Amino acid sequence: MNFQLKTLLVLITLLQGCSSTKNIEDIDTSNNEIIKVTVYYNSLRKDDAVTLQNALIKKGYLVSVAKNKASSNKYSSYMYVAKKDHKSAVMLNDIVQNLLKHNLNTNFFKEKETSGIAKVILTNTESDITQSKNPQISYTPQLWSHHKQLKTSPELCAKKGVDILNFLGFSSVVKNGDYVYGNFNQNRATIKCVGFDSTTFVYTAVAGKNVKQVEQLRNKISWKL
């Protein structure tokens, strides 16, 4: 009986471990994987920042760019990562080296919860490549949507939508009743929760210029709902 009980407990533990892998969007620090990257730039490096953003998006990173004040740092660019993400920082450094023709100087976050996140700072020093100055061109936004039915109330659905957008790094996240929306760079996401019998019908839409990032954001939001 003791042997059978131990066997049953082992099976339950294994099943719980398997079920936990269903949420594929959780940051797995055991794999030293950097999931989210924020690229900060000053006015001289905006083109470099956008070029780096597009390249990282194609490789599966969730990337945002933000303007930063000028820096007197002697390095042309540097980054912050958690110590346990050092191996992934080397991979990120290789991407920057191939793209912008210089290395990142690696610094480490002090906070433990920053694993899986990288901050890249592009300073005054320009890269070795010359970025073309393209004029602003009007475009038709890409729109990707998704819907599903949840066994929860519209109120809890909307609350979860707020948590998801905040987790993914959206800004200006607003909840208006059972309607949630937020911004991610030049992208706009909406989550609408509507009661249907004893369940909730949730509709998600993301619009923006970069079709790859629009698709990526739509997928990440829908997977977490």
Protein backbone atom coordinates (compact mmCIF):
# COMPACT_ATOMS: atom_id res chain seq x y z
CA MET A 1 0.00 0.00 0.00
CA ASN A 2 2.83 2.40 0.85
CA PHE A 3 4.46 1.68 -2.50
CA GLN A 4 1.20 2.30 -4.36
CA LEU A 5 0.63 5.54 -2.45
CA LYS A 6 4.12 6.79 -3.26
CA THR A 7 3.61 5.89 -6.91
CA LEU A 8 0.32 7.79 -6.99
CA LEU A 9 1.92 10.88 -5.42
CA VAL A 10 4.73 10.80 -7.99
CA LEU A 11 2.20 10.60 -10.84
CA ILE A 12 0.22 13.53 -9.42
CA THR A 13 3.41 15.60 -9.15
CA LEU A 14 4.33 14.79 -12.75
CA LEU A 15 0.86 15.70 -13.98
CA GLN A 16 1.00 19.02 -12.14
CA GLY A 17 4.37 19.73 -13.68
CA CYS A 18 3.03 18.98 -17.14
CA SER A 19 -0.03 21.17 -16.69
CA SER A 20 2.11 24.12 -15.61
CA THR A 21 3.84 24.14 -18.99
CA LYS A 22 0.61 25.07 -20.75
CA ASN A 23 1.17 28.74 -20.01
CA ILE A 24 3.98 29.10 -22.54
CA GLU A 25 4.21 32.85 -22.02
CA ASP A 26 5.56 32.65 -18.45
CA ILE A 27 9.21 33.63 -18.28
CA ASP A 28 11.28 30.48 -17.83
CA THR A 29 14.39 31.67 -16.03
CA SER A 30 15.87 28.17 -16.04
CA ASN A 31 16.47 28.58 -19.77
CA ASN A 32 18.16 31.97 -19.34
CA GLU A 33 15.85 33.40 -21.99
CA ILE A 34 15.40 37.13 -22.45
CA ILE A 35 11.78 37.62 -23.48
CA LYS A 36 11.19 41.39 -23.37
CA VAL A 37 13.61 44.06 -24.60
CA THR A 38 13.24 47.82 -24.23
CA VAL A 39 15.52 49.90 -26.47
CA TYR A 40 16.20 53.43 -25.20
CA TYR A 41 17.73 55.95 -27.61
CA ASN A 42 18.67 59.61 -27.82
CA SER A 43 17.84 61.75 -30.86
CA LEU A 44 20.95 60.65 -32.78
CA ARG A 45 20.09 56.96 -32.51
CA LYS A 46 16.39 56.71 -33.36
CA ASP A 47 17.00 54.98 -36.70
CA ASP A 48 19.34 52.50 -35.02
CA ALA A 49 16.70 51.81 -32.36
CA VAL A 50 13.98 51.12 -34.93
CA THR A 51 16.31 48.92 -36.98
CA LEU A 52 17.23 46.92 -33.88
CA GLN A 53 13.57 46.67 -32.85
CA ASN A 54 12.52 45.23 -36.22
CA ALA A 55 15.37 42.70 -36.20
CA LEU A 56 14.56 41.49 -32.68
CA ILE A 57 10.83 41.22 -33.42
CA LYS A 58 11.63 38.86 -36.29
CA LYS A 59 13.57 36.68 -33.86
CA GLY A 60 10.60 36.43 -31.47
CA TYR A 61 11.46 39.06 -28.88
CA LEU A 62 8.79 41.40 -27.51
CA VAL A 63 10.39 44.80 -28.15
CA SER A 64 9.50 48.40 -27.37
CA VAL A 65 11.48 51.59 -28.04
CA ALA A 66 11.54 54.77 -25.96
CA LYS A 67 13.37 58.08 -26.23
CA ASN A 68 16.09 58.65 -23.66
CA LYS A 69 18.14 61.70 -22.71
CA ALA A 70 21.68 62.13 -24.03
CA SER A 71 24.35 60.24 -22.11
CA SER A 72 28.04 60.82 -21.47
CA ASN A 73 28.65 57.06 -21.24
CA LYS A 74 31.75 56.13 -23.21
CA TYR A 75 30.13 53.01 -24.64
CA SER A 76 28.23 53.32 -27.89
CA SER A 77 25.53 51.18 -26.33
CA TYR A 78 25.05 49.05 -23.25
CA MET A 79 22.38 46.90 -21.61
CA TYR A 80 21.02 45.72 -18.28
CA VAL A 81 20.07 42.10 -17.60
CA ALA A 82 19.68 39.82 -14.60
CA LYS A 83 22.80 37.81 -13.75
CA LYS A 84 21.01 34.53 -14.49
CA ASP A 85 20.29 35.84 -18.02
CA HIS A 86 23.96 36.37 -18.85
CA LYS A 87 24.01 33.63 -21.51
CA SER A 88 21.05 35.20 -23.29
CA ALA A 89 22.77 38.59 -23.02
CA VAL A 90 25.66 37.16 -25.06
CA MET A 91 23.17 36.12 -27.75
CA LEU A 92 21.59 39.57 -27.75
CA ASN A 93 25.03 41.15 -27.95
CA ASP A 94 25.80 39.06 -31.07
CA ILE A 95 22.64 40.34 -32.76
CA VAL A 96 23.61 43.95 -32.06
CA GLN A 97 27.18 43.32 -33.19
CA ASN A 98 26.00 41.93 -36.53
CA LEU A 99 23.41 44.66 -37.03
CA LEU A 100 24.97 47.86 -35.64
CA LYS A 101 28.63 46.80 -35.79
CA HIS A 102 29.48 47.35 -32.13
CA ASN A 103 29.28 45.47 -28.84
CA LEU A 104 27.03 46.07 -25.87
CA ASN A 105 28.57 46.62 -22.46
CA THR A 106 26.65 44.38 -20.03
CA ASN A 107 25.46 45.61 -16.63
CA PHE A 108 23.28 43.71 -14.17
CA PHE A 109 19.98 44.52 -12.50
CA LYS A 110 19.98 44.34 -8.72
CA GLU A 111 16.33 43.28 -8.53
CA LYS A 112 15.69 39.54 -8.70
CA GLU A 113 12.36 39.89 -10.50
CA THR A 114 13.92 41.38 -13.64
CA SER A 115 14.97 38.02 -15.06
CA GLY A 116 13.82 37.59 -18.64
CA ILE A 117 14.01 41.34 -19.34
CA ALA A 118 16.72 43.36 -21.07
CA LYS A 119 17.16 47.12 -21.36
CA VAL A 120 19.36 48.34 -24.21
CA ILE A 121 20.54 51.96 -24.12
CA LEU A 122 21.84 53.56 -27.33
CA THR A 123 23.89 56.61 -26.39
CA ASN A 124 25.24 59.63 -28.30
CA THR A 125 27.88 57.56 -30.08
CA GLU A 126 26.57 56.58 -33.48
CA SER A 127 26.87 53.07 -34.89
CA ASP A 128 29.33 52.24 -37.65
CA ILE A 129 26.57 51.91 -40.23
CA THR A 130 24.78 54.87 -41.80
CA GLN A 131 21.03 54.77 -41.42
CA SER A 132 18.98 56.16 -44.30
CA LYS A 133 16.69 59.08 -43.46
CA ASN A 134 13.34 58.08 -44.93
CA PRO A 135 10.46 60.59 -44.94
CA GLN A 136 7.28 59.72 -43.09
CA ILE A 137 4.98 57.73 -45.36
CA SER A 138 1.29 57.27 -44.72
CA TYR A 139 0.20 53.66 -44.23
CA THR A 140 -2.84 51.50 -43.63
CA PRO A 141 -2.65 49.94 -40.13
CA GLN A 142 -2.47 46.17 -39.87
CA LEU A 143 -5.34 44.73 -37.83
CA TRP A 144 -5.23 41.30 -36.19
CA SER A 145 -8.06 40.02 -34.02
CA HIS A 146 -9.01 36.99 -31.95
CA HIS A 147 -12.00 35.83 -29.94
CA LYS A 148 -12.81 33.09 -27.45
CA GLN A 149 -15.39 32.10 -24.86
CA LEU A 150 -14.38 32.10 -21.19
CA LYS A 151 -16.02 30.51 -18.17
CA THR A 152 -15.85 33.68 -16.11
CA SER A 153 -17.71 36.95 -15.63
CA PRO A 154 -17.17 40.00 -17.90
CA GLU A 155 -15.82 41.93 -14.89
CA LEU A 156 -13.13 39.34 -14.12
CA CYS A 157 -12.37 39.05 -17.84
CA ALA A 158 -11.73 42.79 -18.09
CA LYS A 159 -9.60 42.77 -14.93
CA LYS A 160 -7.48 39.99 -16.42
CA GLY A 161 -7.17 42.03 -19.61
CA VAL A 162 -5.68 44.92 -17.62
CA ASP A 163 -3.19 42.57 -15.96
CA ILE A 164 -2.17 41.11 -19.34
CA LEU A 165 -1.54 44.47 -21.00
CA ASN A 166 0.45 45.70 -17.99
CA PHE A 167 2.52 42.49 -17.94
CA LEU A 168 3.36 42.84 -21.65
CA GLY A 169 4.56 46.41 -21.14
CA PHE A 170 1.64 48.38 -22.60
CA SER A 171 1.29 52.03 -21.61
CA SER A 172 -1.83 54.13 -20.98
CA VAL A 173 -3.80 51.00 -20.03
CA VAL A 174 -7.41 52.01 -19.37
CA LYS A 175 -10.39 49.96 -18.20
CA ASN A 176 -13.79 51.39 -19.08
CA GLY A 177 -16.44 49.02 -17.75
CA ASP A 178 -15.74 45.68 -19.44
CA TYR A 179 -13.64 47.31 -22.17
CA VAL A 180 -9.83 47.53 -21.89
CA TYR A 181 -7.33 49.23 -24.19
CA GLY A 182 -3.68 50.25 -24.19
CA ASN A 183 -0.69 51.32 -26.33
CA PHE A 184 2.55 49.53 -27.20
CA ASN A 185 4.74 51.96 -29.17
CA GLN A 186 2.72 52.60 -32.36
CA ASN A 187 0.35 49.71 -31.69
CA ARG A 188 -3.11 49.85 -30.11
CA ALA A 189 -4.77 46.87 -28.42
CA THR A 190 -8.36 46.45 -27.26
CA ILE A 191 -10.02 43.73 -25.20
CA LYS A 192 -13.83 43.65 -25.02
CA CYS A 193 -15.64 41.28 -22.62
CA VAL A 194 -19.34 40.58 -23.19
CA GLY A 195 -21.57 38.37 -21.03
CA PHE A 196 -23.11 35.43 -22.89
CA ASP A 197 -25.41 33.14 -20.86
CA SER A 198 -23.24 32.01 -17.95
CA THR A 199 -19.96 32.64 -19.84
CA THR A 200 -18.12 35.60 -21.35
CA PHE A 201 -17.32 36.24 -25.01
CA VAL A 202 -14.01 38.12 -25.26
CA TYR A 203 -12.87 39.88 -28.43
CA THR A 204 -9.25 41.03 -28.84
CA ALA A 205 -7.85 43.28 -31.58
CA VAL A 206 -4.39 44.80 -32.17
CA ALA A 207 -3.66 47.45 -34.82
CA GLY A 208 -0.33 48.93 -35.89
CA LYS A 209 2.17 49.48 -38.68
CA ASN A 210 4.50 46.49 -38.22
CA VAL A 211 2.54 43.38 -39.21
CA LYS A 212 4.96 41.03 -37.44
CA GLN A 213 4.67 42.86 -34.12
CA VAL A 214 0.90 43.25 -34.46
CA GLU A 215 0.59 39.48 -34.93
CA GLN A 216 2.99 38.85 -32.04
CA LEU A 217 1.07 41.09 -29.63
CA ARG A 218 -2.27 39.58 -30.67
CA ASN A 219 -0.92 36.07 -30.04
CA LYS A 220 0.55 36.92 -26.64
CA ILE A 221 -2.67 38.55 -25.46
CA SER A 222 -4.89 35.70 -26.68
CA TRP A 223 -2.64 33.01 -25.18
CA LYS A 224 -2.89 34.65 -21.76
CA LEU A 225 -6.66 35.13 -21.75
